[in-house]
C-alpha atoms as a PDB file:
ATOM      1  CA  UNK A   1      20.427 -12.801  15.890  1.00  0.00           C
ATOM      2  CA  UNK A   2      22.977 -10.021  15.926  1.00  0.00           C
ATOM      3  CA  UNK A   3      22.048  -6.477  15.071  1.00  0.00           C
ATOM      4  CA  UNK A   4      24.545  -6.303  12.190  1.00  0.00           C
ATOM      5  CA  UNK A   5      23.194  -4.872   8.948  1.00  0.00           C
ATOM      6  CA  UNK A   6      22.465  -7.228   6.082  1.00  0.00           C
ATOM      7  CA  UNK A   7      21.895  -6.612   2.387  1.00  0.00           C
ATOM      8  CA  UNK A   8      18.400  -8.093   2.017  1.00  0.00           C
ATOM      9  CA  UNK A   9      15.553  -8.626   4.485  1.00  0.00           C
ATOM     10  CA  UNK A  10      12.689 -10.872   3.397  1.00  0.00           C
ATOM     11  CA  UNK A  11       9.476  -9.721   5.105  1.00  0.00           C
ATOM     12  CA  UNK A  12       6.967 -12.559   5.475  1.00  0.00           C
ATOM     13  CA  UNK A  13       3.456 -12.061   6.925  1.00  0.00           C
ATOM     14  CA  UNK A  14       2.069 -15.391   8.158  1.00  0.00           C
ATOM     15  CA  UNK A  15      -1.481 -16.031   9.320  1.00  0.00           C
ATOM     16  CA  UNK A  16      -2.263 -19.694  10.096  1.00  0.00           C
ATOM     17  CA  UNK A  17       0.549 -20.992   7.864  1.00  0.00           C
ATOM     18  CA  UNK A  18       1.932 -23.675  10.211  1.00  0.00           C
ATOM     19  CA  UNK A  19       1.816 -26.322   7.464  1.00  0.00           C
ATOM     20  CA  UNK A  20       3.896 -24.196   5.061  1.00  0.00           C
ATOM     21  CA  UNK A  21       6.475 -22.480   7.255  1.00  0.00           C
ATOM     22  CA  UNK A  22       9.002 -25.281   7.666  1.00  0.00           C
ATOM     23  CA  UNK A  23       9.161 -25.886   3.913  1.00  0.00           C
ATOM     24  CA  UNK A  24       9.256 -22.158   3.185  1.00  0.00           C
ATOM     25  CA  UNK A  25      12.192 -21.555   5.530  1.00  0.00           C
ATOM     26  CA  UNK A  26      14.013 -24.613   4.184  1.00  0.00           C
ATOM     27  CA  UNK A  27      13.602 -23.280   0.639  1.00  0.00           C
ATOM     28  CA  UNK A  28      14.945 -19.911   1.792  1.00  0.00           C
ATOM     29  CA  UNK A  29      18.026 -21.659   3.192  1.00  0.00           C
ATOM     30  CA  UNK A  30      18.601 -23.539  -0.078  1.00  0.00           C
ATOM     31  CA  UNK A  31      17.937 -20.621  -2.415  1.00  0.00           C
ATOM     32  CA  UNK A  32      19.574 -17.784  -0.478  1.00  0.00           C
ATOM     33  CA  UNK A  33      22.415 -19.617   1.219  1.00  0.00           C
ATOM     34  CA  UNK A  34      24.376 -19.497  -2.042  1.00  0.00           C
ATOM     35  CA  UNK A  35      23.335 -15.945  -2.977  1.00  0.00           C
ATOM     36  CA  UNK A  36      25.914 -13.189  -3.359  1.00  0.00           C
ATOM     37  CA  UNK A  37      24.205 -11.021  -0.770  1.00  0.00           C
ATOM     38  CA  UNK A  38      23.708 -11.401   2.964  1.00  0.00           C
ATOM     39  CA  UNK A  39      20.121 -11.880   4.095  1.00  0.00           C
ATOM     40  CA  UNK A  40      17.674 -12.401   6.909  1.00  0.00           C
ATOM     41  CA  UNK A  41      14.093 -13.649   6.965  1.00  0.00           C
ATOM     42  CA  UNK A  42      11.627 -11.773   9.181  1.00  0.00           C
ATOM     43  CA  UNK A  43       8.394 -13.709   9.693  1.00  0.00           C
ATOM     44  CA  UNK A  44       5.446 -12.006  11.371  1.00  0.00           C
ATOM     45  CA  UNK A  45       2.998 -14.292  13.146  1.00  0.00           C
ATOM     46  CA  UNK A  46      -0.102 -12.181  12.543  1.00  0.00           C
ATOM     47  CA  UNK A  47      -2.377 -13.463  15.290  1.00  0.00           C
ATOM     48  CA  UNK A  48      -2.371 -17.086  14.079  1.00  0.00           C
ATOM     49  CA  UNK A  49      -4.684 -19.561  15.817  1.00  0.00           C
ATOM     50  CA  UNK A  50      -2.958 -22.739  14.644  1.00  0.00           C
ATOM     51  CA  UNK A  51       0.516 -24.065  15.539  1.00  0.00           C
ATOM     52  CA  UNK A  52       2.344 -21.230  13.752  1.00  0.00           C
ATOM     53  CA  UNK A  53       3.905 -19.908  16.983  1.00  0.00           C
ATOM     54  CA  UNK A  54       5.333 -23.307  17.941  1.00  0.00           C
ATOM     55  CA  UNK A  55       6.686 -23.937  14.439  1.00  0.00           C
ATOM     56  CA  UNK A  56       8.358 -20.534  14.333  1.00  0.00           C
ATOM     57  CA  UNK A  57       9.883 -21.014  17.782  1.00  0.00           C
ATOM     58  CA  UNK A  58      11.477 -24.259  16.627  1.00  0.00           C
ATOM     59  CA  UNK A  59      12.672 -22.815  13.321  1.00  0.00           C
ATOM     60  CA  UNK A  60      14.203 -19.766  15.022  1.00  0.00           C
ATOM     61  CA  UNK A  61      16.418 -22.125  17.014  1.00  0.00           C
ATOM     62  CA  UNK A  62      17.589 -23.861  13.830  1.00  0.00           C
ATOM     63  CA  UNK A  63      18.275 -20.869  11.578  1.00  0.00           C
ATOM     64  CA  UNK A  64      20.295 -17.935  12.966  1.00  0.00           C
ATOM     65  CA  UNK A  65      19.118 -15.619  10.194  1.00  0.00           C
ATOM     66  CA  UNK A  66      15.431 -16.072  11.075  1.00  0.00           C
ATOM     67  CA  UNK A  67      13.721 -13.279  13.034  1.00  0.00           C
ATOM     68  CA  UNK A  68      10.247 -13.833  14.489  1.00  0.00           C
ATOM     69  CA  UNK A  69       7.809 -11.028  15.268  1.00  0.00           C
ATOM     70  CA  UNK A  70       4.468 -11.733  16.947  1.00  0.00           C
ATOM     71  CA  UNK A  71       1.162  -9.876  16.753  1.00  0.00           C
ATOM     72  CA  UNK A  72      -1.174 -10.876  19.575  1.00  0.00           C
ATOM     73  CA  UNK A  73      -4.146 -10.398  17.226  1.00  0.00           C
ATOM     74  CA  UNK A  74      -4.563 -10.270  13.474  1.00  0.00           C
ATOM     75  CA  UNK A  75      -3.679  -6.813  12.193  1.00  0.00           C
ATOM     76  CA  UNK A  76      -3.461  -7.405   8.453  1.00  0.00           C
ATOM     77  CA  UNK A  77      -0.668  -7.515   5.904  1.00  0.00           C
ATOM     78  CA  UNK A  78       0.059  -3.784   5.943  1.00  0.00           C
ATOM     79  CA  UNK A  79       0.700  -3.764   9.700  1.00  0.00           C
ATOM     80  CA  UNK A  80       2.613  -7.044   9.451  1.00  0.00           C
ATOM     81  CA  UNK A  81       4.919  -5.545   6.831  1.00  0.00           C
ATOM     82  CA  UNK A  82       5.466  -2.465   8.970  1.00  0.00           C
ATOM     83  CA  UNK A  83       6.322  -4.581  12.021  1.00  0.00           C
ATOM     84  CA  UNK A  84       8.672  -6.732   9.947  1.00  0.00           C
ATOM     85  CA  UNK A  85      10.322  -3.618   8.533  1.00  0.00           C
ATOM     86  CA  UNK A  86      10.851  -2.231  12.016  1.00  0.00           C
ATOM     87  CA  UNK A  87      12.580  -5.458  13.060  1.00  0.00           C
ATOM     88  CA  UNK A  88      14.633  -5.808   9.854  1.00  0.00           C
ATOM     89  CA  UNK A  89      18.215  -4.651   9.315  1.00  0.00           C
ATOM     90  CA  UNK A  90      18.507  -4.846   5.532  1.00  0.00           C
ATOM     91  CA  UNK A  91      18.973  -2.096   2.984  1.00  0.00           C
ATOM     92  CA  UNK A  92      16.586  -3.908   0.629  1.00  0.00           C
ATOM     93  CA  UNK A  93      13.229  -5.352   1.673  1.00  0.00           C
ATOM     94  CA  UNK A  94      11.403  -8.165  -0.114  1.00  0.00           C
ATOM     95  CA  UNK A  95       7.697  -8.782   0.489  1.00  0.00           C
ATOM     96  CA  UNK A  96       7.047 -12.513   0.215  1.00  0.00           C
ATOM     97  CA  UNK A  97       4.071 -14.561   1.470  1.00  0.00           C
ATOM     98  CA  UNK A  98       4.580 -17.812   3.356  1.00  0.00           C
ATOM     99  CA  UNK A  99       2.011 -19.856   1.408  1.00  0.00           C
ATOM    100  CA  UNK A 100       4.580 -21.225  -1.099  1.00  0.00           C
ATOM    101  CA  UNK A 101       2.658 -19.908  -4.085  1.00  0.00           C
ATOM    102  CA  UNK A 102       5.873 -18.004  -4.747  1.00  0.00           C
ATOM    103  CA  UNK A 103       9.160 -19.863  -4.301  1.00  0.00           C
ATOM    104  CA  UNK A 104      12.163 -18.284  -2.515  1.00  0.00           C
ATOM    105  CA  UNK A 105      14.384 -19.309  -5.445  1.00  0.00           C
ATOM    106  CA  UNK A 106      12.979 -16.305  -7.344  1.00  0.00           C
ATOM    107  CA  UNK A 107      14.011 -13.758  -4.708  1.00  0.00           C
ATOM    108  CA  UNK A 108      17.480 -13.112  -6.238  1.00  0.00           C
ATOM    109  CA  UNK A 109      15.758 -12.277  -9.532  1.00  0.00           C
ATOM    110  CA  UNK A 110      13.718  -9.566  -7.806  1.00  0.00           C
ATOM    111  CA  UNK A 111      16.638  -8.192  -5.839  1.00  0.00           C
ATOM    112  CA  UNK A 112      19.253  -8.020  -8.584  1.00  0.00           C
ATOM    113  CA  UNK A 113      18.012  -4.849 -10.400  1.00  0.00           C
ATOM    114  CA  UNK A 114      18.168  -2.959  -7.097  1.00  0.00           C
ATOM    115  CA  UNK A 115      21.644  -4.279  -6.281  1.00  0.00           C
ATOM    116  CA  UNK A 116      22.757  -3.233  -9.773  1.00  0.00           C
ATOM    117  CA  UNK A 117      21.377   0.283  -9.262  1.00  0.00           C
ATOM    118  CA  UNK A 118      18.857  -0.081 -12.090  1.00  0.00           C
ATOM    119  CA  UNK A 119      15.706   0.388  -9.977  1.00  0.00           C
ATOM    120  CA  UNK A 120      14.444   1.259  -6.522  1.00  0.00           C
ATOM    121  CA  UNK A 121      11.506  -1.122  -6.617  1.00  0.00           C
ATOM    122  CA  UNK A 122      10.923  -4.371  -8.506  1.00  0.00           C
ATOM    123  CA  UNK A 123       7.542  -6.023  -8.767  1.00  0.00           C
ATOM    124  CA  UNK A 124       6.985  -9.621  -9.799  1.00  0.00           C
ATOM    125  CA  UNK A 125       4.754 -10.345 -12.776  1.00  0.00           C
ATOM    126  CA  UNK A 126       2.767 -13.507 -12.078  1.00  0.00           C
ATOM    127  CA  UNK A 127       3.318 -16.307 -14.602  1.00  0.00           C
ATOM    128  CA  UNK A 128       0.893 -19.181 -15.084  1.00  0.00           C
ATOM    129  CA  UNK A 129      -2.770 -19.760 -14.273  1.00  0.00           C
ATOM    130  CA  UNK A 130      -4.157 -18.707 -10.920  1.00  0.00           C
ATOM    131  CA  UNK A 131      -7.438 -18.029  -9.164  1.00  0.00           C
ATOM    132  CA  UNK A 132      -9.010 -14.577  -9.387  1.00  0.00           C
ATOM    133  CA  UNK A 133      -6.968 -13.709 -12.468  1.00  0.00           C
ATOM    134  CA  UNK A 134      -9.886 -11.581 -13.719  1.00  0.00           C
ATOM    135  CA  UNK A 135      -9.955  -9.536 -10.500  1.00  0.00           C
ATOM    136  CA  UNK A 136      -6.200  -9.013 -10.705  1.00  0.00           C
ATOM    137  CA  UNK A 137      -6.401  -7.979 -14.368  1.00  0.00           C
ATOM    138  CA  UNK A 138      -9.143  -5.415 -13.675  1.00  0.00           C
ATOM    139  CA  UNK A 139      -7.236  -4.046 -10.679  1.00  0.00           C
ATOM    140  CA  UNK A 140      -3.998  -3.697 -12.645  1.00  0.00           C
ATOM    141  CA  UNK A 141      -5.750  -2.035 -15.576  1.00  0.00           C
ATOM    142  CA  UNK A 142      -7.475   0.469 -13.292  1.00  0.00           C
ATOM    143  CA  UNK A 143      -4.165   1.276 -11.593  1.00  0.00           C
ATOM    144  CA  UNK A 144      -2.419   1.849 -14.907  1.00  0.00           C
ATOM    145  CA  UNK A 145      -5.310   4.058 -16.038  1.00  0.00           C
ATOM    146  CA  UNK A 146      -5.538   6.139 -12.843  1.00  0.00           C
ATOM    147  CA  UNK A 147      -1.875   6.362 -11.894  1.00  0.00           C
ATOM    148  CA  UNK A 148      -0.022   5.885 -15.172  1.00  0.00           C
ATOM    149  CA  UNK A 149       2.281   3.250 -13.678  1.00  0.00           C
ATOM    150  CA  UNK A 150       3.559   1.114 -16.549  1.00  0.00           C
ATOM    151  CA  UNK A 151       4.186  -2.217 -14.871  1.00  0.00           C
ATOM    152  CA  UNK A 152       1.979  -5.192 -15.630  1.00  0.00           C
ATOM    153  CA  UNK A 153       1.336  -6.557 -12.128  1.00  0.00           C
ATOM    154  CA  UNK A 154       1.052  -4.290  -9.099  1.00  0.00           C
ATOM    155  CA  UNK A 155      -0.322  -6.868  -6.654  1.00  0.00           C
ATOM    156  CA  UNK A 156       2.405  -9.481  -6.403  1.00  0.00           C
ATOM    157  CA  UNK A 157       5.684 -10.103  -4.598  1.00  0.00           C
ATOM    158  CA  UNK A 158       8.026  -7.143  -4.697  1.00  0.00           C
ATOM    159  CA  UNK A 159      11.497  -5.956  -3.689  1.00  0.00           C
ATOM    160  CA  UNK A 160      12.188  -2.361  -2.712  1.00  0.00           C
ATOM    161  CA  UNK A 161      14.665  -0.144  -0.956  1.00  0.00           C
ATOM    162  CA  UNK A 162      14.154   0.226   2.774  1.00  0.00           C
ATOM    163  CA  UNK A 163      13.129   3.887   2.548  1.00  0.00           C
ATOM    164  CA  UNK A 164      10.173   3.042   0.290  1.00  0.00           C
ATOM    165  CA  UNK A 165       8.431   1.484   3.296  1.00  0.00           C
ATOM    166  CA  UNK A 166       8.397   4.869   5.039  1.00  0.00           C
ATOM    167  CA  UNK A 167       6.451   6.494   2.196  1.00  0.00           C
ATOM    168  CA  UNK A 168       3.424   4.186   2.535  1.00  0.00           C
ATOM    169  CA  UNK A 169       0.741   5.380   4.995  1.00  0.00           C
ATOM    170  CA  UNK A 170      -0.224   3.019   7.816  1.00  0.00           C
ATOM    171  CA  UNK A 171      -3.639   2.147   6.415  1.00  0.00           C
ATOM    172  CA  UNK A 172      -5.229  -1.331   6.215  1.00  0.00           C
ATOM    173  CA  UNK A 173      -4.528  -3.031   2.856  1.00  0.00           C
ATOM    174  CA  UNK A 174      -2.587  -0.060   1.496  1.00  0.00           C
ATOM    175  CA  UNK A 175       0.410  -2.311   0.917  1.00  0.00           C
ATOM    176  CA  UNK A 176      -1.380  -3.086  -2.361  1.00  0.00           C
ATOM    177  CA  UNK A 177      -0.697   0.484  -3.477  1.00  0.00           C
ATOM    178  CA  UNK A 178       2.943   0.609  -2.427  1.00  0.00           C
ATOM    179  CA  UNK A 179       4.049   0.667  -6.059  1.00  0.00           C
ATOM    180  CA  UNK A 180       1.887   3.610  -7.135  1.00  0.00           C
ATOM    181  CA  UNK A 181       2.756   5.577  -3.986  1.00  0.00           C
ATOM    182  CA  UNK A 182       6.467   4.905  -4.543  1.00  0.00           C
ATOM    183  CA  UNK A 183       6.144   5.942  -8.190  1.00  0.00           C
ATOM    184  CA  UNK A 184       4.452   9.182  -7.127  1.00  0.00           C
ATOM    185  CA  UNK A 185       7.420   9.855  -4.832  1.00  0.00           C
ATOM    186  CA  UNK A 186       9.829   9.453  -7.752  1.00  0.00           C
ATOM    187  CA  UNK A 187      11.206   5.962  -7.124  1.00  0.00           C
ATOM    188  CA  UNK A 188      12.296   4.001 -10.195  1.00  0.00           C
ATOM    189  CA  UNK A 189      10.224   0.926 -10.996  1.00  0.00           C
ATOM    190  CA  UNK A 190      10.758  -2.218 -13.016  1.00  0.00           C
ATOM    191  CA  UNK A 191       9.363  -5.746 -13.073  1.00  0.00           C
ATOM    192  CA  UNK A 192      10.519  -9.335 -13.429  1.00  0.00           C
ATOM    193  CA  UNK A 193       8.507 -12.486 -14.281  1.00  0.00           C
ATOM    194  CA  UNK A 194       7.824 -14.707 -11.274  1.00  0.00           C
ATOM    195  CA  UNK A 195       6.130 -18.138 -11.495  1.00  0.00           C
ATOM    196  CA  UNK A 196       3.021 -18.666  -9.386  1.00  0.00           C
ATOM    197  CA  UNK A 197       2.316 -22.139  -7.994  1.00  0.00           C
ATOM    198  CA  UNK A 198      -0.911 -23.674  -6.624  1.00  0.00           C
ATOM    199  CA  UNK A 199      -1.350 -23.541  -2.871  1.00  0.00           C
ATOM    200  CA  UNK A 200      -0.721 -26.979  -1.339  1.00  0.00           C
ATOM    201  CA  UNK A 201      -1.645 -26.250   2.296  1.00  0.00           C
ATOM    202  CA  UNK A 202      -3.651 -23.699   4.220  1.00  0.00           C
ATOM    203  CA  UNK A 203      -6.426 -21.535   2.817  1.00  0.00           C
ATOM    204  CA  UNK A 204      -6.405 -18.270   0.910  1.00  0.00           C
ATOM    205  CA  UNK A 205      -7.087 -15.174   2.995  1.00  0.00           C
ATOM    206  CA  UNK A 206      -8.654 -13.389   0.004  1.00  0.00           C
ATOM    207  CA  UNK A 207     -12.446 -13.284  -0.165  1.00  0.00           C
ATOM    208  CA  UNK A 208     -14.736 -11.676  -2.704  1.00  0.00           C
ATOM    209  CA  UNK A 209     -16.025  -9.272  -0.044  1.00  0.00           C
ATOM    210  CA  UNK A 210     -12.687  -7.452  -0.261  1.00  0.00           C
ATOM    211  CA  UNK A 211     -13.284  -6.412  -3.875  1.00  0.00           C
ATOM    212  CA  UNK A 212     -15.562  -3.400  -3.150  1.00  0.00           C
ATOM    213  CA  UNK A 213     -13.271  -2.390  -0.275  1.00  0.00           C
ATOM    214  CA  UNK A 214     -10.333  -2.532  -2.667  1.00  0.00           C
ATOM    215  CA  UNK A 215     -12.140  -0.288  -5.163  1.00  0.00           C
ATOM    216  CA  UNK A 216     -12.859   2.328  -2.517  1.00  0.00           C
ATOM    217  CA  UNK A 217      -9.222   2.133  -1.349  1.00  0.00           C
ATOM    218  CA  UNK A 218      -8.139   2.614  -4.957  1.00  0.00           C
ATOM    219  CA  UNK A 219     -10.199   5.796  -5.264  1.00  0.00           C
ATOM    220  CA  UNK A 220      -8.921   7.007  -1.896  1.00  0.00           C
ATOM    221  CA  UNK A 221      -5.293   6.512  -2.930  1.00  0.00           C
ATOM    222  CA  UNK A 222      -5.926   8.274  -6.249  1.00  0.00           C
ATOM    223  CA  UNK A 223      -7.546  11.224  -4.477  1.00  0.00           C
ATOM    224  CA  UNK A 224      -4.746  11.548  -1.932  1.00  0.00           C
ATOM    225  CA  UNK A 225      -1.995  11.328  -4.531  1.00  0.00           C
ATOM    226  CA  UNK A 226      -3.707  13.839  -6.807  1.00  0.00           C
ATOM    227  CA  UNK A 227      -5.089  16.293  -4.268  1.00  0.00           C
ATOM    228  CA  UNK A 228      -3.583  15.304  -0.892  1.00  0.00           C
ATOM    229  CA  UNK A 229      -0.928  18.026  -0.946  1.00  0.00           C
ATOM    230  CA  UNK A 230      -3.166  20.624  -2.626  1.00  0.00           C
ATOM    231  CA  UNK A 231      -6.723  20.021  -1.390  1.00  0.00           C
ATOM    232  CA  UNK A 232      -7.758  23.514  -2.423  1.00  0.00           C
ATOM    233  CA  UNK A 233      -7.224  22.417  -6.021  1.00  0.00           C
ATOM    234  CA  UNK A 234     -10.206  20.092  -5.642  1.00  0.00           C
ATOM    235  CA  UNK A 235     -12.413  21.782  -3.064  1.00  0.00           C
ATOM    236  CA  UNK A 236     -11.632  25.308  -4.230  1.00  0.00           C
ATOM    237  CA  UNK A 237     -12.442  24.643  -7.890  1.00  0.00           C
ATOM    238  CA  UNK A 238     -15.620  22.736  -6.992  1.00  0.00           C
ATOM    239  CA  UNK A 239     -16.649  25.448  -4.532  1.00  0.00           C
ATOM    240  CA  UNK A 240     -15.970  28.234  -7.024  1.00  0.00           C
ATOM    241  CA  UNK A 241     -18.002  26.440  -9.689  1.00  0.00           C
ATOM    242  CA  UNK A 242     -20.996  25.947  -7.397  1.00  0.00           C
ATOM    243  CA  UNK A 243     -20.788  29.539  -6.156  1.00  0.00           C
ATOM    244  CA  UNK A 244     -20.677  30.794  -9.756  1.00  0.00           C
ATOM    245  CA  UNK A 245     -23.707  28.689 -10.677  1.00  0.00           C
ATOM    246  CA  UNK A 246     -25.561  30.040  -7.655  1.00  0.00           C
ATOM    247  CA  UNK A 247     -24.535  33.624  -8.501  1.00  0.00           C
ATOM    248  CA  UNK A 248     -25.733  33.347 -12.118  1.00  0.00           C
ATOM    249  CA  UNK A 249     -28.949  31.677 -11.009  1.00  0.00           C
ATOM    250  CA  UNK A 250     -29.446  34.553  -8.544  1.00  0.00           C
ATOM    251  CA  UNK A 251     -29.121  37.100 -11.336  1.00  0.00           C
ATOM    252  CA  UNK A 252     -31.667  35.186 -13.407  1.00  0.00           C
ATOM    253  CA  UNK A 253     -34.012  35.052 -10.399  1.00  0.00           C
ATOM    254  CA  UNK A 254     -33.715  38.817  -9.875  1.00  0.00           C
ATOM    255  CA  UNK A 255     -34.366  39.560 -13.546  1.00  0.00           C
ATOM    256  CA  UNK A 256     -37.426  37.312 -13.571  1.00  0.00           C
ATOM    257  CA  UNK A 257     -38.752  38.752 -10.319  1.00  0.00           C
ATOM    258  CA  UNK A 258     -38.277  42.478 -10.910  1.00  0.00           C
ATOM    259  CA  UNK A 259     -38.212  42.563 -14.708  1.00  0.00           C
ATOM    260  CA  UNK A 260     -41.119  40.270 -15.491  1.00  0.00           C
ATOM    261  CA  UNK A 261     -42.863  39.911 -12.149  1.00  0.00           C
ATOM    262  CA  UNK A 262     -42.267  36.164 -12.084  1.00  0.00           C
ATOM    263  CA  UNK A 263     -41.429  34.555  -8.764  1.00  0.00           C
ATOM    264  CA  UNK A 264     -39.955  31.047  -9.178  1.00  0.00           C
ATOM    265  CA  UNK A 265     -39.383  29.383  -5.814  1.00  0.00           C
ATOM    266  CA  UNK A 266     -37.328  26.375  -7.107  1.00  0.00           C
ATOM    267  CA  UNK A 267     -34.855  28.779  -8.695  1.00  0.00           C
ATOM    268  CA  UNK A 268     -34.446  30.571  -5.358  1.00  0.00           C
ATOM    269  CA  UNK A 269     -33.820  27.218  -3.674  1.00  0.00           C
ATOM    270  CA  UNK A 270     -31.193  26.436  -6.311  1.00  0.00           C
ATOM    271  CA  UNK A 271     -29.441  29.743  -5.583  1.00  0.00           C
ATOM    272  CA  UNK A 272     -29.385  29.061  -1.868  1.00  0.00           C
ATOM    273  CA  UNK A 273     -28.099  25.498  -2.321  1.00  0.00           C
ATOM    274  CA  UNK A 274     -25.358  26.414  -4.792  1.00  0.00           C
ATOM    275  CA  UNK A 275     -24.063  29.407  -2.834  1.00  0.00           C
ATOM    276  CA  UNK A 276     -24.046  27.616   0.526  1.00  0.00           C
ATOM    277  CA  UNK A 277     -22.427  24.502  -1.009  1.00  0.00           C
ATOM    278  CA  UNK A 278     -19.768  26.620  -2.698  1.00  0.00           C
ATOM    279  CA  UNK A 279     -18.900  28.430   0.525  1.00  0.00           C
ATOM    280  CA  UNK A 280     -18.800  25.110   2.427  1.00  0.00           C
ATOM    281  CA  UNK A 281     -16.443  23.530  -0.116  1.00  0.00           C
ATOM    282  CA  UNK A 282     -14.186  26.562   0.070  1.00  0.00           C
ATOM    283  CA  UNK A 283     -14.103  26.114   3.834  1.00  0.00           C
ATOM    284  CA  UNK A 284     -13.213  22.432   3.407  1.00  0.00           C
ATOM    285  CA  UNK A 285     -10.413  23.496   1.101  1.00  0.00           C
ATOM    286  CA  UNK A 286      -8.919  25.902   3.626  1.00  0.00           C
ATOM    287  CA  UNK A 287      -9.109  23.294   6.398  1.00  0.00           C
ATOM    288  CA  UNK A 288      -7.605  20.743   4.051  1.00  0.00           C
ATOM    289  CA  UNK A 289      -4.700  23.087   3.296  1.00  0.00           C
ATOM    290  CA  UNK A 290      -3.987  23.424   7.016  1.00  0.00           C
ATOM    291  CA  UNK A 291      -4.061  19.647   7.465  1.00  0.00           C
ATOM    292  CA  UNK A 292      -1.849  19.148   4.411  1.00  0.00           C
ATOM    293  CA  UNK A 293       0.664  21.626   5.829  1.00  0.00           C
ATOM    294  CA  UNK A 294       0.765  19.788   9.155  1.00  0.00           C
ATOM    295  CA  UNK A 295       1.172  16.470   7.374  1.00  0.00           C
ATOM    296  CA  UNK A 296       4.107  17.791   5.365  1.00  0.00           C
ATOM    297  CA  UNK A 297       5.749  18.979   8.576  1.00  0.00           C
ATOM    298  CA  UNK A 298       5.241  15.527  10.101  1.00  0.00           C
ATOM    299  CA  UNK A 299       6.721  13.878   7.013  1.00  0.00           C
ATOM    300  CA  UNK A 300       9.815  16.042   7.248  1.00  0.00           C
ATOM    301  CA  UNK A 301      10.180  15.325  10.972  1.00  0.00           C
ATOM    302  CA  UNK A 302       9.791  11.602  10.328  1.00  0.00           C
ATOM    303  CA  UNK A 303      12.463  11.675   7.641  1.00  0.00           C
ATOM    304  CA  UNK A 304      14.815  13.583   9.914  1.00  0.00           C
ATOM    305  CA  UNK A 305      14.366  11.510  13.042  1.00  0.00           C
ATOM    306  CA  UNK A 306      13.880   8.074  11.424  1.00  0.00           C
ATOM    307  CA  UNK A 307      12.277   6.902  14.627  1.00  0.00           C
ATOM    308  CA  UNK A 308      11.206   3.274  14.746  1.00  0.00           C
ATOM    309  CA  UNK A 309       8.222   2.082  16.730  1.00  0.00           C
ATOM    310  CA  UNK A 310       8.711  -0.723  19.301  1.00  0.00           C
ATOM    311  CA  UNK A 311       8.037  -4.250  18.115  1.00  0.00           C
ATOM    312  CA  UNK A 312       6.880  -7.273  20.113  1.00  0.00           C
ATOM    313  CA  UNK A 313       9.244 -10.185  19.544  1.00  0.00           C
ATOM    314  CA  UNK A 314       9.306 -13.729  20.759  1.00  0.00           C
END
């Protein structure tokens, strides 16, 4: 495929989706061939162990707008999206899975608000019954509570401007928090209803063991967005509070010891613990401020250089 820029790049992570890929690409051709924007489809073979590589090789010869990227081992959706973004040439990216639970015919609906200048990021709101709806509802409610992002569904297909991808840290599974990170960076958000269909081939990659991991990731994202650029705000306040508690407890211990002749060893231990913990947290805060400063410098350098990492292609 030529290196000419296109309007929309559809980024498709695929892990063991050989039975779905031919139909998915055919639906892309039908739905997007008559669209008013130019497009390409970038499919990442994320370490598949089935016939995905052979299917993609054949499809790439049939469709000139299909780009194939290969991971030699499974690296997860976040890395797959990053690799697809590095290989893409569009101004607008669309994250779409290859399992046909979402149909390519709905991609223009997601893209249109961005093309019209109404939003920088559009998330699909799942319509219809689907598995793990309770988990999704709890996740979305927690995100709205912690981050104040007023869209109904944060863990679905989404369209976004190319630069949004650069604001998401390269962390496993953090693609789930792309919306809240983009909102924190000031990007405009909106949503559109998108039907969800039952999976007809392949197996879901989601397992219940990922729920506790997702909760810890959620807390990590919240902490970084709230205190990542000002760590002293968290560590300094906590350290000052503990130091103050230790200082007051020390005064009480001195009054009891020299005013009333009462020696209370647990109170002395409390003083030691509070003062040492307060000083340690202050130290963490100072180190955190240095790290935050370096990270801001790296962010500015990345924005200026816009370097792209090499990608392995077939």
